[in-house]
Amino acid sequence: MTSLRLGRQQPATVGPGSAGVTVTGLRAGYGRIEVLHGIDLVVPAGSVLALFGPNGAGKSTLLAVVRGQLRPTCGTVTVGGLDAVRTPTERLARAGVCAVPEGRAVFPNLTVREHLRLWTYAGGAGVGEVEAATYERFPRLAERRHQLAGTLSGGEQQMLAISRALVGSPKVLLLDELSTGLAPLVVAELYELVAALAATGMAVLLVEQFVTTALAVATQAAVLVHGRIVREGPPSQVADAALGDYLSG
């Protein structure tokens, strides 16, 4: 992919009709167990919010609510200008809300090219257009277009998963543990792409444990502990010794 300078990006200039993610007074959980206890977050279009926290803090639960897969018990969630609480998940996806889940979720017995063709049918874009854009972003996938996804490296599988999310040119991108199991150089390459996407006006909400690299591309950051935001602000204010204490639980 084209080399980009890794660094904090300024939000892109976007039109008045564009929207990112707004979470207000959010409470959610599973059955009688409340996991999130009144979350307030804003991710404007053209920005990257990096969300950190120890295991069990509620990060994945928050993403599930934002993408419409879990109904909250209280609060409001607006994603891409839509009410995520009352809008069906498939409509959110068609409106440009896409997620890259933890674990990549690729089909091991399909080739790279077969994945792209499958997602083309789902996204309504042209096959040639999707392949060209994917191979330009990730030349390694072009080299492995006939290779089964199950035989790709972890980094290549993550590239493929991101390509799926980008088929529909999303307005909002949700990333869950992008760096899990990947080499630092691969992580840096993927985050260069994240910064470039935000610079086009996309709102990016990422959950991450790879603190240093995520903060380098974030325009804002927050720390979630025991279902509550305990620290929020510019990356320079969050990236201090206290962050390590929060993440260690």
C-alpha atoms as a PDB file:
ATOM      1  CA  MET A   1       0.000   0.000   0.000  1.00  0.00           C
ATOM      2  CA  THR A   2       1.078   3.585  -0.422  1.00  0.00           C
ATOM      3  CA  SER A   3       3.255   4.701   2.477  1.00  0.00           C
ATOM      4  CA  LEU A   4       1.656   7.359   4.651  1.00  0.00           C
ATOM      5  CA  ARG A   5       3.207   9.352   7.434  1.00  0.00           C
ATOM      6  CA  LEU A   6       2.037   7.827  10.706  1.00  0.00           C
ATOM      7  CA  GLY A   7       0.845  10.643  12.903  1.00  0.00           C
ATOM      8  CA  ARG A   8      -2.153  12.278  14.471  1.00  0.00           C
ATOM      9  CA  GLN A   9      -4.594  13.425  11.807  1.00  0.00           C
ATOM     10  CA  GLN A  10      -6.790  16.489  11.904  1.00  0.00           C
ATOM     11  CA  PRO A  11     -10.491  15.825  11.246  1.00  0.00           C
ATOM     12  CA  ALA A  12     -11.386  16.250   7.601  1.00  0.00           C
ATOM     13  CA  THR A  13     -13.685  19.039   6.512  1.00  0.00           C
ATOM     14  CA  VAL A  14     -17.108  17.468   6.009  1.00  0.00           C
ATOM     15  CA  GLY A  15     -20.489  18.729   4.908  1.00  0.00           C
ATOM     16  CA  PRO A  16     -23.379  19.588   7.219  1.00  0.00           C
ATOM     17  CA  GLY A  17     -25.195  16.347   6.385  1.00  0.00           C
ATOM     18  CA  SER A  18     -22.350  14.106   7.556  1.00  0.00           C
ATOM     19  CA  ALA A  19     -22.434  12.415  10.952  1.00  0.00           C
ATOM     20  CA  GLY A  20     -20.306  10.150  13.064  1.00  0.00           C
ATOM     21  CA  VAL A  21     -21.151   8.459  16.358  1.00  0.00           C
ATOM     22  CA  THR A  22     -22.875  10.042  19.358  1.00  0.00           C
ATOM     23  CA  VAL A  23     -23.520   8.018  22.519  1.00  0.00           C
ATOM     24  CA  THR A  24     -25.441   9.615  25.383  1.00  0.00           C
ATOM     25  CA  GLY A  25     -26.307   8.137  28.774  1.00  0.00           C
ATOM     26  CA  LEU A  26     -25.819   4.610  27.491  1.00  0.00           C
ATOM     27  CA  ARG A  27     -26.604   1.681  29.777  1.00  0.00           C
ATOM     28  CA  ALA A  28     -26.505  -1.867  28.448  1.00  0.00           C
ATOM     29  CA  GLY A  29     -25.805  -5.413  29.482  1.00  0.00           C
ATOM     30  CA  TYR A  30     -26.974  -8.994  29.309  1.00  0.00           C
ATOM     31  CA  GLY A  31     -30.077  -9.994  31.210  1.00  0.00           C
ATOM     32  CA  ARG A  32     -29.899  -8.570  34.706  1.00  0.00           C
ATOM     33  CA  ILE A  33     -26.171  -7.897  34.472  1.00  0.00           C
ATOM     34  CA  GLU A  34     -25.470  -4.284  33.500  1.00  0.00           C
ATOM     35  CA  VAL A  35     -22.107  -3.888  31.772  1.00  0.00           C
ATOM     36  CA  LEU A  36     -22.188  -0.234  30.688  1.00  0.00           C
ATOM     37  CA  HIS A  37     -23.157   2.360  33.293  1.00  0.00           C
ATOM     38  CA  GLY A  38     -23.961   5.651  31.580  1.00  0.00           C
ATOM     39  CA  ILE A  39     -21.535   6.114  28.668  1.00  0.00           C
ATOM     40  CA  ASP A  40     -21.173   9.424  26.832  1.00  0.00           C
ATOM     41  CA  LEU A  41     -18.961   9.500  23.722  1.00  0.00           C
ATOM     42  CA  VAL A  42     -18.779  11.503  20.505  1.00  0.00           C
ATOM     43  CA  VAL A  43     -16.827  10.476  17.397  1.00  0.00           C
ATOM     44  CA  PRO A  44     -17.220  13.237  14.776  1.00  0.00           C
ATOM     45  CA  ALA A  45     -16.954  12.499  11.068  1.00  0.00           C
ATOM     46  CA  GLY A  46     -13.304  12.642  10.015  1.00  0.00           C
ATOM     47  CA  SER A  47     -11.921  11.608  13.400  1.00  0.00           C
ATOM     48  CA  VAL A  48     -10.511   8.551  15.182  1.00  0.00           C
ATOM     49  CA  LEU A  49     -11.489   7.736  18.759  1.00  0.00           C
ATOM     50  CA  ALA A  50      -9.274   5.094  20.377  1.00  0.00           C
ATOM     51  CA  LEU A  51     -11.018   3.278  23.228  1.00  0.00           C
ATOM     52  CA  PHE A  52      -8.833   1.441  25.727  1.00  0.00           C
ATOM     53  CA  GLY A  53      -9.554  -0.625  28.809  1.00  0.00           C
ATOM     54  CA  PRO A  54      -8.802  -3.919  30.561  1.00  0.00           C
ATOM     55  CA  ASN A  55     -10.508  -7.170  29.614  1.00  0.00           C
ATOM     56  CA  GLY A  56     -14.112  -7.179  30.792  1.00  0.00           C
ATOM     57  CA  ALA A  57     -14.394  -3.391  30.852  1.00  0.00           C
ATOM     58  CA  GLY A  58     -17.292  -3.389  28.365  1.00  0.00           C
ATOM     59  CA  LYS A  59     -15.510  -2.347  25.167  1.00  0.00           C
ATOM     60  CA  SER A  60     -16.974  -5.061  22.937  1.00  0.00           C
ATOM     61  CA  THR A  61     -20.406  -4.516  24.493  1.00  0.00           C
ATOM     62  CA  LEU A  62     -20.212  -0.852  23.519  1.00  0.00           C
ATOM     63  CA  LEU A  63     -19.335  -1.753  19.924  1.00  0.00           C
ATOM     64  CA  ALA A  64     -22.219  -4.236  19.807  1.00  0.00           C
ATOM     65  CA  VAL A  65     -24.663  -1.490  20.800  1.00  0.00           C
ATOM     66  CA  VAL A  66     -23.212   1.010  18.324  1.00  0.00           C
ATOM     67  CA  ARG A  67     -23.536  -1.412  15.400  1.00  0.00           C
ATOM     68  CA  GLY A  68     -27.109  -2.286  16.386  1.00  0.00           C
ATOM     69  CA  GLN A  69     -26.526  -5.860  17.585  1.00  0.00           C
ATOM     70  CA  LEU A  70     -27.386  -5.242  21.236  1.00  0.00           C
ATOM     71  CA  ARG A  71     -30.287  -3.160  22.479  1.00  0.00           C
ATOM     72  CA  PRO A  72     -29.425  -0.851  25.397  1.00  0.00           C
ATOM     73  CA  THR A  73     -31.584  -0.504  28.496  1.00  0.00           C
ATOM     74  CA  CYS A  74     -31.176   3.267  28.554  1.00  0.00           C
ATOM     75  CA  GLY A  75     -29.655   6.089  26.541  1.00  0.00           C
ATOM     76  CA  THR A  76     -29.372   7.093  22.893  1.00  0.00           C
ATOM     77  CA  VAL A  77     -26.967   6.057  20.124  1.00  0.00           C
ATOM     78  CA  THR A  78     -26.802   7.929  16.821  1.00  0.00           C
ATOM     79  CA  VAL A  79     -24.591   6.430  14.119  1.00  0.00           C
ATOM     80  CA  GLY A  80     -24.208   7.971  10.686  1.00  0.00           C
ATOM     81  CA  GLY A  81     -27.247  10.135  11.349  1.00  0.00           C
ATOM     82  CA  LEU A  82     -29.464   7.146  12.276  1.00  0.00           C
ATOM     83  CA  ASP A  83     -30.879   5.997  15.597  1.00  0.00           C
ATOM     84  CA  ALA A  84     -28.912   2.784  16.142  1.00  0.00           C
ATOM     85  CA  VAL A  85     -31.309   1.619  18.860  1.00  0.00           C
ATOM     86  CA  ARG A  86     -34.352   1.575  16.573  1.00  0.00           C
ATOM     87  CA  THR A  87     -32.754   0.988  13.172  1.00  0.00           C
ATOM     88  CA  PRO A  88     -32.344  -2.629  11.970  1.00  0.00           C
ATOM     89  CA  THR A  89     -28.733  -3.792  11.701  1.00  0.00           C
ATOM     90  CA  GLU A  90     -29.002  -4.413   7.955  1.00  0.00           C
ATOM     91  CA  ARG A  91     -30.220  -0.853   7.371  1.00  0.00           C
ATOM     92  CA  LEU A  92     -27.326   0.520   9.411  1.00  0.00           C
ATOM     93  CA  ALA A  93     -24.951  -1.480   7.214  1.00  0.00           C
ATOM     94  CA  ARG A  94     -26.573  -0.191   4.017  1.00  0.00           C
ATOM     95  CA  ALA A  95     -26.305   3.345   5.386  1.00  0.00           C
ATOM     96  CA  GLY A  96     -22.543   2.998   5.758  1.00  0.00           C
ATOM     97  CA  VAL A  97     -21.954   1.609   9.260  1.00  0.00           C
ATOM     98  CA  CYS A  98     -19.399  -1.209   9.024  1.00  0.00           C
ATOM     99  CA  ALA A  99     -17.407  -3.227  11.547  1.00  0.00           C
ATOM    100  CA  VAL A 100     -14.258  -5.343  11.560  1.00  0.00           C
ATOM    101  CA  PRO A 101     -14.792  -7.817  14.419  1.00  0.00           C
ATOM    102  CA  GLU A 102     -12.121  -9.304  16.623  1.00  0.00           C
ATOM    103  CA  GLY A 103     -10.917 -12.556  15.096  1.00  0.00           C
ATOM    104  CA  ARG A 104     -11.258 -11.318  11.461  1.00  0.00           C
ATOM    105  CA  ALA A 105     -14.110 -13.732  10.564  1.00  0.00           C
ATOM    106  CA  VAL A 106     -12.931 -14.722   7.087  1.00  0.00           C
ATOM    107  CA  PHE A 107     -13.980 -17.930   5.335  1.00  0.00           C
ATOM    108  CA  PRO A 108     -10.918 -20.249   5.431  1.00  0.00           C
ATOM    109  CA  ASN A 109     -11.949 -22.307   2.388  1.00  0.00           C
ATOM    110  CA  LEU A 110     -12.520 -19.348   0.055  1.00  0.00           C
ATOM    111  CA  THR A 111      -9.742 -17.632  -1.865  1.00  0.00           C
ATOM    112  CA  VAL A 112      -9.024 -13.932  -1.543  1.00  0.00           C
ATOM    113  CA  ARG A 113     -10.665 -13.295  -4.913  1.00  0.00           C
ATOM    114  CA  GLU A 114     -13.739 -15.333  -3.967  1.00  0.00           C
ATOM    115  CA  HIS A 115     -14.111 -13.244  -0.802  1.00  0.00           C
ATOM    116  CA  LEU A 116     -14.021 -10.056  -2.818  1.00  0.00           C
ATOM    117  CA  ARG A 117     -16.588 -11.352  -5.292  1.00  0.00           C
ATOM    118  CA  LEU A 118     -18.879 -12.476  -2.475  1.00  0.00           C
ATOM    119  CA  TRP A 119     -18.703  -9.072  -0.772  1.00  0.00           C
ATOM    120  CA  THR A 120     -19.225  -7.366  -4.113  1.00  0.00           C
ATOM    121  CA  TYR A 121     -22.607  -9.053  -4.467  1.00  0.00           C
ATOM    122  CA  ALA A 122     -23.542  -8.016  -0.925  1.00  0.00           C
ATOM    123  CA  GLY A 123     -22.351  -4.433  -1.307  1.00  0.00           C
ATOM    124  CA  GLY A 124     -23.668  -3.752  -4.783  1.00  0.00           C
ATOM    125  CA  ALA A 125     -20.331  -2.498  -6.158  1.00  0.00           C
ATOM    126  CA  GLY A 126     -18.673  -3.646  -9.365  1.00  0.00           C
ATOM    127  CA  VAL A 127     -16.302  -6.629  -9.161  1.00  0.00           C
ATOM    128  CA  GLY A 128     -13.499  -4.866 -11.003  1.00  0.00           C
ATOM    129  CA  GLU A 129     -13.857  -1.743  -8.871  1.00  0.00           C
ATOM    130  CA  VAL A 130     -13.686  -3.687  -5.600  1.00  0.00           C
ATOM    131  CA  GLU A 131     -10.714  -5.765  -6.697  1.00  0.00           C
ATOM    132  CA  ALA A 132      -8.789  -2.752  -7.973  1.00  0.00           C
ATOM    133  CA  ALA A 133      -9.343  -0.763  -4.772  1.00  0.00           C
ATOM    134  CA  THR A 134      -8.421  -3.729  -2.570  1.00  0.00           C
ATOM    135  CA  TYR A 135      -5.247  -4.579  -4.436  1.00  0.00           C
ATOM    136  CA  GLU A 136      -4.171  -0.938  -4.489  1.00  0.00           C
ATOM    137  CA  ARG A 137      -4.563  -0.713  -0.702  1.00  0.00           C
ATOM    138  CA  PHE A 138      -3.027  -4.131  -0.057  1.00  0.00           C
ATOM    139  CA  PRO A 139      -0.638  -5.313  -2.815  1.00  0.00           C
ATOM    140  CA  ARG A 140       0.017  -8.492  -0.819  1.00  0.00           C
ATOM    141  CA  LEU A 141      -3.587  -9.537  -1.346  1.00  0.00           C
ATOM    142  CA  ALA A 142      -3.104  -9.102  -5.084  1.00  0.00           C
ATOM    143  CA  GLU A 143      -0.182 -11.515  -4.903  1.00  0.00           C
ATOM    144  CA  ARG A 144      -2.360 -13.995  -2.995  1.00  0.00           C
ATOM    145  CA  ARG A 145      -5.630 -13.513  -4.859  1.00  0.00           C
ATOM    146  CA  HIS A 146      -5.905 -17.255  -5.619  1.00  0.00           C
ATOM    147  CA  GLN A 147      -4.805 -18.378  -2.148  1.00  0.00           C
ATOM    148  CA  LEU A 148      -7.222 -19.786   0.442  1.00  0.00           C
ATOM    149  CA  ALA A 149      -7.891 -17.308   3.241  1.00  0.00           C
ATOM    150  CA  GLY A 150      -7.183 -19.986   5.840  1.00  0.00           C
ATOM    151  CA  THR A 151      -3.579 -20.194   4.640  1.00  0.00           C
ATOM    152  CA  LEU A 152      -2.929 -16.431   4.825  1.00  0.00           C
ATOM    153  CA  SER A 153      -0.906 -14.881   7.633  1.00  0.00           C
ATOM    154  CA  GLY A 154      -2.742 -13.136  10.442  1.00  0.00           C
ATOM    155  CA  GLY A 155      -1.908  -9.745   8.978  1.00  0.00           C
ATOM    156  CA  GLU A 156      -3.125 -10.721   5.520  1.00  0.00           C
ATOM    157  CA  GLN A 157      -6.385 -12.044   6.981  1.00  0.00           C
ATOM    158  CA  GLN A 158      -6.868  -8.724   8.762  1.00  0.00           C
ATOM    159  CA  MET A 159      -6.265  -6.885   5.485  1.00  0.00           C
ATOM    160  CA  LEU A 160      -8.942  -9.061   3.899  1.00  0.00           C
ATOM    161  CA  ALA A 161     -11.379  -8.366   6.751  1.00  0.00           C
ATOM    162  CA  ILE A 162     -10.810  -4.615   6.413  1.00  0.00           C
ATOM    163  CA  SER A 163     -11.351  -4.874   2.652  1.00  0.00           C
ATOM    164  CA  ARG A 164     -14.764  -6.401   3.310  1.00  0.00           C
ATOM    165  CA  ALA A 165     -15.744  -3.458   5.523  1.00  0.00           C
ATOM    166  CA  LEU A 166     -14.622  -0.948   2.901  1.00  0.00           C
ATOM    167  CA  VAL A 167     -16.619  -2.406  -0.009  1.00  0.00           C
ATOM    168  CA  GLY A 168     -19.547  -0.077   0.641  1.00  0.00           C
ATOM    169  CA  SER A 169     -17.437   3.045   1.302  1.00  0.00           C
ATOM    170  CA  PRO A 170     -18.645   3.324   4.920  1.00  0.00           C
ATOM    171  CA  LYS A 171     -19.243   6.554   6.793  1.00  0.00           C
ATOM    172  CA  VAL A 172     -18.578   4.917  10.161  1.00  0.00           C
ATOM    173  CA  LEU A 173     -15.967   2.199  10.760  1.00  0.00           C
ATOM    174  CA  LEU A 174     -15.846   0.151  13.970  1.00  0.00           C
ATOM    175  CA  LEU A 175     -12.617  -1.758  14.651  1.00  0.00           C
ATOM    176  CA  ASP A 176     -12.367  -4.353  17.428  1.00  0.00           C
ATOM    177  CA  GLU A 177      -8.801  -5.265  18.452  1.00  0.00           C
ATOM    178  CA  LEU A 178      -7.236  -4.610  15.048  1.00  0.00           C
ATOM    179  CA  SER A 179      -3.739  -5.529  16.244  1.00  0.00           C
ATOM    180  CA  THR A 180      -4.454  -8.879  17.942  1.00  0.00           C
ATOM    181  CA  GLY A 181      -1.745 -11.401  17.131  1.00  0.00           C
ATOM    182  CA  LEU A 182      -0.018  -9.210  14.547  1.00  0.00           C
ATOM    183  CA  ALA A 183       3.590  -8.106  14.205  1.00  0.00           C
ATOM    184  CA  PRO A 184       4.285  -4.436  15.042  1.00  0.00           C
ATOM    185  CA  LEU A 185       5.204  -3.561  11.452  1.00  0.00           C
ATOM    186  CA  VAL A 186       1.903  -4.965  10.182  1.00  0.00           C
ATOM    187  CA  VAL A 187       0.003  -3.077  12.876  1.00  0.00           C
ATOM    188  CA  ALA A 188       1.708   0.170  11.873  1.00  0.00           C
ATOM    189  CA  GLU A 189       0.792  -0.430   8.222  1.00  0.00           C
ATOM    190  CA  LEU A 190      -2.867  -1.054   9.078  1.00  0.00           C
ATOM    191  CA  TYR A 191      -3.037   2.049  11.224  1.00  0.00           C
ATOM    192  CA  GLU A 192      -1.616   4.144   8.419  1.00  0.00           C
ATOM    193  CA  LEU A 193      -4.702   3.093   6.482  1.00  0.00           C
ATOM    194  CA  VAL A 194      -6.960   3.969   9.450  1.00  0.00           C
ATOM    195  CA  ALA A 195      -5.509   7.486   9.540  1.00  0.00           C
ATOM    196  CA  ALA A 196      -5.981   7.859   5.785  1.00  0.00           C
ATOM    197  CA  LEU A 197      -9.609   6.724   5.974  1.00  0.00           C
ATOM    198  CA  ALA A 198     -10.399   9.223   8.720  1.00  0.00           C
ATOM    199  CA  ALA A 199      -8.777  11.957   6.643  1.00  0.00           C
ATOM    200  CA  THR A 200     -11.416  11.330   3.946  1.00  0.00           C
ATOM    201  CA  GLY A 201     -14.220  12.127   6.427  1.00  0.00           C
ATOM    202  CA  MET A 202     -14.903   8.689   7.880  1.00  0.00           C
ATOM    203  CA  ALA A 203     -15.641   8.387  11.612  1.00  0.00           C
ATOM    204  CA  VAL A 204     -13.542   5.613  13.171  1.00  0.00           C
ATOM    205  CA  LEU A 205     -14.183   4.086  16.599  1.00  0.00           C
ATOM    206  CA  LEU A 206     -11.514   1.572  17.499  1.00  0.00           C
ATOM    207  CA  VAL A 207     -11.105  -0.691  20.509  1.00  0.00           C
ATOM    208  CA  GLU A 208      -7.462  -1.507  21.022  1.00  0.00           C
ATOM    209  CA  GLN A 209      -4.792  -2.900  23.341  1.00  0.00           C
ATOM    210  CA  PHE A 210      -1.856  -1.747  21.173  1.00  0.00           C
ATOM    211  CA  VAL A 211      -1.791   1.611  22.919  1.00  0.00           C
ATOM    212  CA  THR A 212       1.170   3.412  21.379  1.00  0.00           C
ATOM    213  CA  THR A 213       0.279   2.842  17.735  1.00  0.00           C
ATOM    214  CA  ALA A 214      -3.429   3.566  18.247  1.00  0.00           C
ATOM    215  CA  LEU A 215      -2.705   6.847  20.030  1.00  0.00           C
ATOM    216  CA  ALA A 216      -0.430   7.902  17.161  1.00  0.00           C
ATOM    217  CA  VAL A 217      -3.386   8.024  14.751  1.00  0.00           C
ATOM    218  CA  ALA A 218      -6.163   8.982  17.177  1.00  0.00           C
ATOM    219  CA  THR A 219      -7.668  12.464  17.345  1.00  0.00           C
ATOM    220  CA  GLN A 220      -9.191  11.610  20.724  1.00  0.00           C
ATOM    221  CA  ALA A 221      -8.966   8.776  23.241  1.00  0.00           C
ATOM    222  CA  ALA A 222     -10.934   7.324  26.127  1.00  0.00           C
ATOM    223  CA  VAL A 223     -10.364   4.711  28.825  1.00  0.00           C
ATOM    224  CA  LEU A 224     -13.214   2.410  29.841  1.00  0.00           C
ATOM    225  CA  VAL A 225     -13.012   0.615  33.190  1.00  0.00           C
ATOM    226  CA  HIS A 226     -15.810  -1.401  34.819  1.00  0.00           C
ATOM    227  CA  GLY A 227     -18.330  -0.012  32.346  1.00  0.00           C
ATOM    228  CA  ARG A 228     -17.503   3.655  32.924  1.00  0.00           C
ATOM    229  CA  ILE A 229     -15.357   6.200  31.082  1.00  0.00           C
ATOM    230  CA  VAL A 230     -12.639   7.113  33.583  1.00  0.00           C
ATOM    231  CA  ARG A 231     -10.484   9.240  31.310  1.00  0.00           C
ATOM    232  CA  GLU A 232     -11.165  11.023  28.034  1.00  0.00           C
ATOM    233  CA  GLY A 233      -9.517  13.716  25.940  1.00  0.00           C
ATOM    234  CA  PRO A 234      -6.759  14.406  23.414  1.00  0.00           C
ATOM    235  CA  PRO A 235      -4.268  11.529  23.045  1.00  0.00           C
ATOM    236  CA  SER A 236      -1.523  13.582  24.701  1.00  0.00           C
ATOM    237  CA  GLN A 237      -3.601  13.798  27.876  1.00  0.00           C
ATOM    238  CA  VAL A 238      -4.521  10.114  27.930  1.00  0.00           C
ATOM    239  CA  ALA A 239      -1.057   8.759  27.076  1.00  0.00           C
ATOM    240  CA  ASP A 240       0.519   9.053  30.504  1.00  0.00           C
ATOM    241  CA  ALA A 241       1.524   6.719  33.310  1.00  0.00           C
ATOM    242  CA  ALA A 242      -2.055   6.488  34.582  1.00  0.00           C
ATOM    243  CA  LEU A 243      -3.136   4.764  31.367  1.00  0.00           C
ATOM    244  CA  GLY A 244      -0.990   1.744  32.218  1.00  0.00           C
ATOM    245  CA  ASP A 245      -2.642   1.529  35.622  1.00  0.00           C
ATOM    246  CA  TYR A 246      -6.115   1.566  34.076  1.00  0.00           C
ATOM    247  CA  LEU A 247      -5.262  -1.089  31.508  1.00  0.00           C
ATOM    248  CA  SER A 248      -3.754  -3.402  34.102  1.00  0.00           C
ATOM    249  CA  GLY A 249      -7.088  -3.276  35.964  1.00  0.00           C
END
